[in-house]
N, C-alpha and C. Protein backbone atom coordinates (compact mmCIF):
# COMPACT_ATOMS: atom_id res chain seq x y z
N MET A 1 4.90 8.14 7.40
CA MET A 1 6.22 7.59 7.29
C MET A 1 7.01 7.91 8.55
N VAL A 2 7.78 6.97 9.01
CA VAL A 2 8.55 7.13 10.23
C VAL A 2 9.84 7.86 9.90
N SER A 3 10.13 8.90 10.67
CA SER A 3 11.39 9.62 10.44
C SER A 3 12.47 8.99 11.31
N LEU A 4 13.62 8.76 10.71
CA LEU A 4 14.75 8.17 11.40
C LEU A 4 15.87 9.19 11.50
N SER A 5 16.56 9.16 12.62
CA SER A 5 17.72 10.04 12.75
C SER A 5 18.86 9.50 11.89
N ASP A 6 19.91 10.28 11.80
CA ASP A 6 21.05 9.85 10.98
C ASP A 6 21.66 8.56 11.52
N PHE A 7 21.79 8.47 12.85
CA PHE A 7 22.34 7.25 13.44
C PHE A 7 21.46 6.04 13.16
N GLN A 8 20.15 6.21 13.22
CA GLN A 8 19.24 5.10 12.94
C GLN A 8 19.31 4.69 11.48
N GLN A 9 19.48 5.65 10.57
CA GLN A 9 19.63 5.30 9.16
C GLN A 9 20.92 4.52 8.93
N ILE A 10 21.99 4.90 9.60
CA ILE A 10 23.23 4.14 9.52
C ILE A 10 23.01 2.74 10.08
N GLY A 11 22.26 2.65 11.16
CA GLY A 11 21.96 1.35 11.77
C GLY A 11 21.18 0.44 10.84
N VAL A 12 20.21 1.00 10.13
CA VAL A 12 19.43 0.21 9.18
C VAL A 12 20.34 -0.33 8.08
N GLY A 13 21.25 0.52 7.61
CA GLY A 13 22.21 0.07 6.60
C GLY A 13 23.12 -1.03 7.13
N LEU A 14 23.59 -0.88 8.36
CA LEU A 14 24.46 -1.90 8.95
C LEU A 14 23.73 -3.23 9.13
N VAL A 15 22.48 -3.17 9.58
CA VAL A 15 21.69 -4.39 9.74
C VAL A 15 21.47 -5.05 8.38
N GLY A 16 21.17 -4.24 7.37
CA GLY A 16 20.97 -4.79 6.03
C GLY A 16 22.22 -5.47 5.49
N PHE A 17 23.37 -4.80 5.63
CA PHE A 17 24.62 -5.41 5.19
C PHE A 17 24.95 -6.64 6.02
N GLY A 18 24.63 -6.60 7.32
CA GLY A 18 24.88 -7.76 8.16
C GLY A 18 24.08 -8.97 7.71
N LEU A 19 22.80 -8.76 7.41
CA LEU A 19 21.97 -9.86 6.92
C LEU A 19 22.45 -10.36 5.56
N PHE A 20 22.90 -9.42 4.70
CA PHE A 20 23.43 -9.81 3.41
C PHE A 20 24.66 -10.70 3.57
N PHE A 21 25.60 -10.29 4.43
CA PHE A 21 26.81 -11.08 4.61
C PHE A 21 26.51 -12.42 5.27
N LEU A 22 25.53 -12.46 6.17
CA LEU A 22 25.14 -13.74 6.76
C LEU A 22 24.59 -14.68 5.71
N LEU A 23 23.67 -14.19 4.90
CA LEU A 23 23.09 -15.04 3.86
C LEU A 23 24.13 -15.44 2.81
N PHE A 24 25.00 -14.50 2.44
CA PHE A 24 26.04 -14.80 1.47
C PHE A 24 27.03 -15.83 2.04
N GLY A 25 27.33 -15.71 3.33
CA GLY A 25 28.21 -16.69 3.96
C GLY A 25 27.59 -18.08 4.01
N ILE A 26 26.28 -18.15 4.21
CA ILE A 26 25.60 -19.44 4.21
C ILE A 26 25.57 -20.02 2.81
N LEU A 27 25.32 -19.16 1.81
CA LEU A 27 25.29 -19.64 0.43
C LEU A 27 26.66 -20.14 -0.03
N LEU A 28 27.70 -19.59 0.50
CA LEU A 28 29.05 -20.03 0.14
C LEU A 28 29.55 -21.10 1.10
N TYR A 29 28.67 -22.04 1.39
CA TYR A 29 29.00 -23.23 2.20
C TYR A 29 29.53 -22.85 3.57
N PHE A 30 28.81 -21.99 4.26
CA PHE A 30 29.11 -21.62 5.64
C PHE A 30 30.53 -21.05 5.76
N ASP A 31 30.81 -20.02 4.97
CA ASP A 31 32.08 -19.32 5.07
C ASP A 31 32.11 -18.56 6.39
N SER A 32 33.03 -18.95 7.26
CA SER A 32 33.02 -18.42 8.61
C SER A 32 33.39 -16.94 8.67
N VAL A 33 34.24 -16.46 7.77
CA VAL A 33 34.64 -15.06 7.79
C VAL A 33 33.46 -14.16 7.42
N LEU A 34 32.74 -14.51 6.36
CA LEU A 34 31.58 -13.71 5.97
C LEU A 34 30.49 -13.75 7.04
N MET A 35 30.29 -14.90 7.65
CA MET A 35 29.26 -15.01 8.68
C MET A 35 29.64 -14.23 9.93
N ALA A 36 30.90 -14.26 10.31
CA ALA A 36 31.34 -13.49 11.47
C ALA A 36 31.21 -11.99 11.19
N PHE A 37 31.58 -11.57 9.98
CA PHE A 37 31.44 -10.17 9.61
C PHE A 37 29.97 -9.76 9.61
N GLY A 38 29.10 -10.63 9.10
CA GLY A 38 27.68 -10.34 9.10
C GLY A 38 27.11 -10.23 10.51
N ASN A 39 27.55 -11.10 11.40
CA ASN A 39 27.10 -11.02 12.80
C ASN A 39 27.50 -9.72 13.45
N LEU A 40 28.76 -9.32 13.24
CA LEU A 40 29.23 -8.08 13.85
C LEU A 40 28.51 -6.86 13.28
N LEU A 41 28.27 -6.85 11.97
CA LEU A 41 27.53 -5.74 11.37
C LEU A 41 26.09 -5.70 11.88
N PHE A 42 25.46 -6.87 12.01
CA PHE A 42 24.08 -6.93 12.49
C PHE A 42 23.97 -6.38 13.91
N LEU A 43 24.86 -6.80 14.79
CA LEU A 43 24.80 -6.34 16.18
C LEU A 43 25.13 -4.85 16.29
N SER A 44 26.11 -4.38 15.52
CA SER A 44 26.42 -2.95 15.59
C SER A 44 25.28 -2.12 15.02
N GLY A 45 24.62 -2.62 13.99
CA GLY A 45 23.45 -1.91 13.46
C GLY A 45 22.31 -1.85 14.45
N LEU A 46 22.12 -2.92 15.20
CA LEU A 46 21.08 -2.93 16.23
C LEU A 46 21.37 -1.89 17.30
N VAL A 47 22.64 -1.75 17.66
CA VAL A 47 23.02 -0.73 18.64
C VAL A 47 22.76 0.66 18.08
N PHE A 48 23.04 0.89 16.81
CA PHE A 48 22.79 2.20 16.21
C PHE A 48 21.30 2.50 16.12
N ILE A 49 20.48 1.49 15.91
CA ILE A 49 19.04 1.74 15.74
C ILE A 49 18.36 2.04 17.07
N ILE A 50 18.56 1.19 18.06
CA ILE A 50 17.81 1.37 19.31
C ILE A 50 18.66 1.90 20.46
N GLY A 51 19.95 2.08 20.26
CA GLY A 51 20.80 2.63 21.31
C GLY A 51 21.46 1.54 22.14
N PHE A 52 22.58 1.92 22.74
CA PHE A 52 23.37 0.94 23.49
C PHE A 52 22.63 0.46 24.74
N ARG A 53 22.05 1.39 25.48
CA ARG A 53 21.40 1.01 26.75
C ARG A 53 20.19 0.10 26.50
N ARG A 54 19.36 0.44 25.51
CA ARG A 54 18.18 -0.38 25.23
C ARG A 54 18.58 -1.75 24.68
N THR A 55 19.65 -1.80 23.87
CA THR A 55 20.14 -3.09 23.39
C THR A 55 20.62 -3.94 24.54
N PHE A 56 21.37 -3.33 25.44
CA PHE A 56 21.89 -4.05 26.61
C PHE A 56 20.75 -4.57 27.48
N THR A 57 19.75 -3.72 27.74
CA THR A 57 18.64 -4.16 28.59
C THR A 57 17.79 -5.22 27.89
N PHE A 58 17.70 -5.17 26.56
CA PHE A 58 16.95 -6.20 25.85
C PHE A 58 17.63 -7.56 25.98
N PHE A 59 18.93 -7.60 25.72
CA PHE A 59 19.64 -8.88 25.73
C PHE A 59 19.82 -9.44 27.13
N PHE A 60 19.91 -8.60 28.13
CA PHE A 60 20.22 -9.11 29.46
C PHE A 60 19.06 -9.03 30.44
N GLN A 61 17.84 -9.18 29.95
CA GLN A 61 16.69 -9.36 30.83
C GLN A 61 16.76 -10.76 31.42
N ARG A 62 16.27 -10.90 32.63
CA ARG A 62 16.34 -12.20 33.29
C ARG A 62 15.61 -13.29 32.51
N SER A 63 14.50 -12.94 31.88
CA SER A 63 13.72 -13.95 31.14
C SER A 63 14.38 -14.33 29.81
N LYS A 64 15.32 -13.52 29.34
CA LYS A 64 15.94 -13.79 28.04
C LYS A 64 17.40 -14.19 28.14
N LEU A 65 17.88 -14.52 29.33
CA LEU A 65 19.29 -14.86 29.49
C LEU A 65 19.67 -16.14 28.77
N LYS A 66 18.77 -17.11 28.71
CA LYS A 66 19.07 -18.36 28.00
C LYS A 66 19.26 -18.09 26.51
N GLY A 67 18.36 -17.34 25.91
CA GLY A 67 18.49 -17.01 24.51
C GLY A 67 19.71 -16.17 24.22
N THR A 68 20.02 -15.22 25.12
CA THR A 68 21.19 -14.39 24.96
C THR A 68 22.47 -15.21 25.02
N SER A 69 22.52 -16.14 25.96
CA SER A 69 23.74 -16.95 26.08
C SER A 69 23.92 -17.84 24.86
N PHE A 70 22.84 -18.40 24.33
CA PHE A 70 22.97 -19.20 23.11
C PHE A 70 23.35 -18.34 21.91
N PHE A 71 22.76 -17.14 21.81
CA PHE A 71 23.06 -16.27 20.67
C PHE A 71 24.52 -15.83 20.68
N PHE A 72 24.98 -15.32 21.82
CA PHE A 72 26.37 -14.86 21.88
C PHE A 72 27.34 -16.03 21.89
N GLY A 73 26.93 -17.17 22.46
CA GLY A 73 27.77 -18.36 22.37
C GLY A 73 27.95 -18.81 20.93
N GLY A 74 26.87 -18.76 20.16
CA GLY A 74 26.96 -19.08 18.74
C GLY A 74 27.82 -18.10 17.98
N LEU A 75 27.76 -16.81 18.37
CA LEU A 75 28.61 -15.81 17.74
C LEU A 75 30.08 -16.11 18.01
N ILE A 76 30.39 -16.49 19.23
CA ILE A 76 31.78 -16.82 19.57
C ILE A 76 32.23 -18.07 18.83
N VAL A 77 31.36 -19.06 18.73
CA VAL A 77 31.71 -20.29 18.01
C VAL A 77 31.94 -20.00 16.53
N VAL A 78 31.14 -19.10 15.93
CA VAL A 78 31.37 -18.71 14.53
C VAL A 78 32.72 -18.01 14.40
N LEU A 79 33.04 -17.13 15.36
CA LEU A 79 34.33 -16.45 15.32
C LEU A 79 35.50 -17.42 15.50
N MET A 80 35.26 -18.55 16.13
CA MET A 80 36.30 -19.57 16.28
C MET A 80 36.36 -20.51 15.08
N ARG A 81 35.61 -20.16 14.01
CA ARG A 81 35.62 -20.87 12.72
C ARG A 81 34.95 -22.24 12.76
N TRP A 82 33.88 -22.38 13.54
CA TRP A 82 32.99 -23.54 13.48
C TRP A 82 31.62 -23.01 13.11
N PRO A 83 31.42 -22.68 11.83
CA PRO A 83 30.22 -21.92 11.46
C PRO A 83 28.91 -22.70 11.56
N ILE A 84 28.91 -23.98 11.25
CA ILE A 84 27.64 -24.72 11.28
C ILE A 84 27.11 -24.83 12.70
N LEU A 85 27.97 -25.24 13.63
CA LEU A 85 27.56 -25.33 15.03
C LEU A 85 27.19 -23.96 15.57
N GLY A 86 27.96 -22.94 15.18
CA GLY A 86 27.68 -21.58 15.64
C GLY A 86 26.33 -21.08 15.16
N MET A 87 26.01 -21.36 13.90
CA MET A 87 24.72 -20.90 13.38
C MET A 87 23.55 -21.65 14.01
N LEU A 88 23.75 -22.92 14.33
CA LEU A 88 22.70 -23.65 15.04
C LEU A 88 22.45 -23.04 16.41
N LEU A 89 23.54 -22.73 17.12
CA LEU A 89 23.39 -22.10 18.44
C LEU A 89 22.76 -20.72 18.32
N GLU A 90 23.21 -19.95 17.34
CA GLU A 90 22.63 -18.62 17.14
C GLU A 90 21.16 -18.70 16.76
N GLY A 91 20.81 -19.64 15.93
CA GLY A 91 19.42 -19.79 15.52
C GLY A 91 18.52 -20.09 16.70
N TYR A 92 18.96 -21.01 17.57
CA TYR A 92 18.17 -21.31 18.76
C TYR A 92 18.07 -20.09 19.67
N GLY A 93 19.18 -19.38 19.82
CA GLY A 93 19.15 -18.17 20.64
C GLY A 93 18.26 -17.10 20.06
N PHE A 94 18.28 -16.93 18.74
CA PHE A 94 17.44 -15.94 18.08
C PHE A 94 15.96 -16.26 18.27
N ILE A 95 15.61 -17.53 18.09
CA ILE A 95 14.21 -17.93 18.28
C ILE A 95 13.79 -17.74 19.73
N SER A 96 14.68 -18.07 20.65
CA SER A 96 14.37 -17.90 22.06
C SER A 96 14.24 -16.43 22.44
N LEU A 97 15.07 -15.57 21.85
CA LEU A 97 15.01 -14.14 22.16
C LEU A 97 13.76 -13.47 21.59
N PHE A 98 13.42 -13.80 20.36
CA PHE A 98 12.35 -13.09 19.66
C PHE A 98 11.06 -13.90 19.59
N TRP A 99 10.87 -14.87 20.45
CA TRP A 99 9.69 -15.71 20.44
C TRP A 99 8.42 -14.88 20.61
N SER A 100 8.44 -13.87 21.45
CA SER A 100 7.24 -13.07 21.69
C SER A 100 6.95 -12.12 20.53
N PHE A 101 7.92 -11.90 19.64
CA PHE A 101 7.72 -11.00 18.51
C PHE A 101 7.08 -11.69 17.31
N PHE A 102 7.19 -13.01 17.23
CA PHE A 102 6.69 -13.73 16.06
C PHE A 102 5.19 -13.55 15.83
N PRO A 103 4.32 -13.60 16.85
CA PRO A 103 2.88 -13.37 16.56
C PRO A 103 2.61 -11.98 15.97
N VAL A 104 3.36 -10.97 16.41
CA VAL A 104 3.19 -9.62 15.85
C VAL A 104 3.59 -9.61 14.38
N ALA A 105 4.72 -10.25 14.06
CA ALA A 105 5.20 -10.28 12.67
C ALA A 105 4.23 -11.05 11.79
N PHE A 106 3.73 -12.19 12.27
CA PHE A 106 2.78 -12.97 11.47
C PHE A 106 1.47 -12.21 11.29
N GLY A 107 1.06 -11.46 12.30
CA GLY A 107 -0.14 -10.63 12.17
C GLY A 107 0.04 -9.55 11.13
N PHE A 108 1.26 -8.96 11.10
CA PHE A 108 1.53 -7.95 10.08
C PHE A 108 1.49 -8.55 8.69
N PHE A 109 2.11 -9.72 8.51
CA PHE A 109 2.12 -10.34 7.19
C PHE A 109 0.72 -10.80 6.79
N GLY A 110 -0.10 -11.17 7.77
CA GLY A 110 -1.48 -11.53 7.47
C GLY A 110 -2.31 -10.33 7.07
N SER A 111 -1.97 -9.16 7.61
CA SER A 111 -2.72 -7.95 7.26
C SER A 111 -2.37 -7.45 5.87
N LEU A 112 -1.30 -7.95 5.28
CA LEU A 112 -0.96 -7.55 3.91
C LEU A 112 -2.01 -8.02 2.91
N ALA A 113 -2.77 -9.05 3.27
CA ALA A 113 -3.82 -9.54 2.38
C ALA A 113 -4.99 -8.56 2.29
N ASN A 114 -5.05 -7.57 3.16
CA ASN A 114 -6.12 -6.57 3.12
C ASN A 114 -5.83 -5.41 2.17
N ILE A 115 -4.64 -5.37 1.60
CA ILE A 115 -4.31 -4.32 0.63
C ILE A 115 -5.00 -4.67 -0.68
N PRO A 116 -5.76 -3.75 -1.27
CA PRO A 116 -6.60 -4.10 -2.42
C PRO A 116 -5.86 -4.76 -3.58
N LEU A 117 -4.81 -4.15 -4.07
CA LEU A 117 -4.10 -4.71 -5.23
C LEU A 117 -3.43 -6.04 -4.88
N LEU A 118 -2.85 -6.11 -3.70
CA LEU A 118 -2.18 -7.33 -3.29
C LEU A 118 -3.18 -8.46 -3.04
N SER A 119 -4.32 -8.16 -2.46
CA SER A 119 -5.31 -9.21 -2.23
C SER A 119 -5.85 -9.76 -3.54
N GLN A 120 -6.04 -8.88 -4.54
CA GLN A 120 -6.50 -9.35 -5.85
C GLN A 120 -5.43 -10.23 -6.51
N LEU A 121 -4.18 -9.86 -6.38
CA LEU A 121 -3.08 -10.65 -6.94
C LEU A 121 -3.00 -12.02 -6.25
N LEU A 122 -3.14 -12.04 -4.94
CA LEU A 122 -3.11 -13.32 -4.22
C LEU A 122 -4.30 -14.20 -4.59
N ARG A 123 -5.48 -13.59 -4.77
CA ARG A 123 -6.65 -14.34 -5.18
C ARG A 123 -6.47 -14.94 -6.56
N ASN A 124 -5.90 -14.16 -7.49
CA ASN A 124 -5.67 -14.67 -8.84
C ASN A 124 -4.63 -15.78 -8.84
N MET A 125 -3.63 -15.69 -8.02
CA MET A 125 -2.62 -16.75 -7.95
C MET A 125 -3.22 -18.01 -7.35
N GLY A 126 -4.14 -17.86 -6.41
CA GLY A 126 -4.77 -19.02 -5.79
C GLY A 126 -5.79 -19.69 -6.67
N ASP A 127 -6.38 -18.94 -7.60
CA ASP A 127 -7.42 -19.49 -8.46
C ASP A 127 -6.87 -20.17 -9.69
N SER A 128 -5.60 -20.19 -9.87
CA SER A 128 -5.03 -20.83 -11.06
C SER A 128 -5.33 -22.31 -11.00
N GLY A 129 -6.02 -22.81 -12.02
CA GLY A 129 -6.48 -24.20 -12.04
C GLY A 129 -5.50 -25.17 -12.67
N SER A 130 -4.33 -24.69 -13.05
CA SER A 130 -3.40 -25.60 -13.72
C SER A 130 -2.74 -26.52 -12.70
N MET A 131 -2.45 -27.71 -13.14
CA MET A 131 -1.82 -28.69 -12.26
C MET A 131 -0.30 -28.60 -12.32
N VAL A 132 0.23 -27.75 -13.17
CA VAL A 132 1.68 -27.65 -13.35
C VAL A 132 2.26 -26.61 -12.46
């Protein structure tokens, strides 16, 4: 098990609440206040988890400047109360920033099928012959 410092535990909580408020804001027909609050909580949690300097160097690498500009531009547009356009810009920026991380995440989710109980459950769900 990975041990986290107190600041990192606070950061995990902030990221979790940020994602909750983002999803809740989307469910409530793109409520701009909830989405802006979720964005700010998510970014502050990221700073708590990996530190200010590493967050800054991640976002402002030369190869990631396009994604960073779209992500922060979308954040500003959400703060200006245009949530749909802001989330589209943020989504493109997020995909552009974390494009290299997606194969790692998909590999991790693919390795979940190697867990004995989970693989048996997935096999049983796949073998269901009902058409309904």
